[in-house]
Amino acid sequence: MTRTYHWTATVSDGKHHDGESAGTVRASSEAEARAAVAAWVREDGARKNRNWTATSIELA
């Protein structure tokens, strides 16, 4: 069963704390939701010519 997760992620390029991102994701498990958030952060960084990763992901 698919569930909607609200998330907040701390974003970093490995050298600096670049801020936070937040949103919602639909997934069938917490693991799937975390993977989707991590992928979104990487893709968002790539769109902005940054090498971002999610250093912490909180789901609600």
C-alpha atoms as a PDB file:
ATOM      1  CA  MET A   1       0.000   0.000   0.000  1.00  0.00           C
ATOM      2  CA  THR A   2       1.372   3.395  -0.979  1.00  0.00           C
ATOM      3  CA  ARG A   3       1.652   6.043   1.693  1.00  0.00           C
ATOM      4  CA  THR A   4       2.479   9.760   1.525  1.00  0.00           C
ATOM      5  CA  TYR A   5       5.518  10.748   3.599  1.00  0.00           C
ATOM      6  CA  HIS A   6       6.384  14.330   4.481  1.00  0.00           C
ATOM      7  CA  TRP A   7      10.143  14.762   4.589  1.00  0.00           C
ATOM      8  CA  THR A   8      12.871  17.187   5.610  1.00  0.00           C
ATOM      9  CA  ALA A   9      16.460  16.615   4.482  1.00  0.00           C
ATOM     10  CA  THR A  10      19.685  18.311   5.519  1.00  0.00           C
ATOM     11  CA  VAL A  11      21.688  18.977   2.357  1.00  0.00           C
ATOM     12  CA  SER A  12      25.479  19.110   2.053  1.00  0.00           C
ATOM     13  CA  ASP A  13      28.133  19.093  -0.654  1.00  0.00           C
ATOM     14  CA  GLY A  14      30.563  17.273   1.652  1.00  0.00           C
ATOM     15  CA  LYS A  15      32.378  20.467   2.638  1.00  0.00           C
ATOM     16  CA  HIS A  16      29.599  22.812   3.711  1.00  0.00           C
ATOM     17  CA  HIS A  17      26.110  22.572   5.186  1.00  0.00           C
ATOM     18  CA  ASP A  18      24.052  23.895   2.266  1.00  0.00           C
ATOM     19  CA  GLY A  19      20.679  24.041   3.989  1.00  0.00           C
ATOM     20  CA  GLU A  20      17.515  22.003   4.106  1.00  0.00           C
ATOM     21  CA  SER A  21      14.898  20.820   1.662  1.00  0.00           C
ATOM     22  CA  ALA A  22      11.390  19.627   2.385  1.00  0.00           C
ATOM     23  CA  GLY A  23       8.536  18.041   0.501  1.00  0.00           C
ATOM     24  CA  THR A  24       6.333  14.997   0.152  1.00  0.00           C
ATOM     25  CA  VAL A  25       6.908  11.634  -1.475  1.00  0.00           C
ATOM     26  CA  ARG A  26       4.630   8.642  -2.097  1.00  0.00           C
ATOM     27  CA  ALA A  27       6.214   5.286  -1.345  1.00  0.00           C
ATOM     28  CA  SER A  28       5.295   1.837  -0.109  1.00  0.00           C
ATOM     29  CA  SER A  29       7.908   1.784   2.690  1.00  0.00           C
ATOM     30  CA  GLU A  30      10.188   4.078   4.682  1.00  0.00           C
ATOM     31  CA  ALA A  31      13.229   2.624   2.918  1.00  0.00           C
ATOM     32  CA  GLU A  32      11.706   3.374  -0.487  1.00  0.00           C
ATOM     33  CA  ALA A  33      10.790   6.899   0.662  1.00  0.00           C
ATOM     34  CA  ARG A  34      14.342   7.571   1.906  1.00  0.00           C
ATOM     35  CA  ALA A  35      15.804   6.324  -1.385  1.00  0.00           C
ATOM     36  CA  ALA A  36      13.447   8.575  -3.360  1.00  0.00           C
ATOM     37  CA  VAL A  37      14.340  11.611  -1.224  1.00  0.00           C
ATOM     38  CA  ALA A  38      18.078  10.933  -1.570  1.00  0.00           C
ATOM     39  CA  ALA A  39      17.699  10.628  -5.357  1.00  0.00           C
ATOM     40  CA  TRP A  40      15.676  13.856  -5.506  1.00  0.00           C
ATOM     41  CA  VAL A  41      18.357  15.761  -3.532  1.00  0.00           C
ATOM     42  CA  ARG A  42      21.102  14.495  -5.893  1.00  0.00           C
ATOM     43  CA  GLU A  43      19.023  15.408  -8.969  1.00  0.00           C
ATOM     44  CA  ASP A  44      18.128  18.843  -7.583  1.00  0.00           C
ATOM     45  CA  GLY A  45      21.808  19.509  -6.903  1.00  0.00           C
ATOM     46  CA  ALA A  46      22.726  18.425 -10.432  1.00  0.00           C
ATOM     47  CA  ARG A  47      20.162  20.841 -11.888  1.00  0.00           C
ATOM     48  CA  LYS A  48      21.895  23.614  -9.926  1.00  0.00           C
ATOM     49  CA  ASN A  49      25.432  22.424 -10.812  1.00  0.00           C
ATOM     50  CA  ARG A  50      26.091  21.241  -7.254  1.00  0.00           C
ATOM     51  CA  ASN A  51      27.170  17.888  -5.850  1.00  0.00           C
ATOM     52  CA  TRP A  52      24.591  17.585  -3.056  1.00  0.00           C
ATOM     53  CA  THR A  53      23.748  14.646  -0.852  1.00  0.00           C
ATOM     54  CA  ALA A  54      21.164  14.295   1.901  1.00  0.00           C
ATOM     55  CA  THR A  55      23.107  13.940   5.162  1.00  0.00           C
ATOM     56  CA  SER A  56      19.964  13.411   7.218  1.00  0.00           C
ATOM     57  CA  ILE A  57      16.395  12.551   6.198  1.00  0.00           C
ATOM     58  CA  GLU A  58      13.429  12.872   8.553  1.00  0.00           C
ATOM     59  CA  LEU A  59      10.108  11.304   7.582  1.00  0.00           C
ATOM     60  CA  ALA A  60       6.724  12.040   9.100  1.00  0.00           C
END
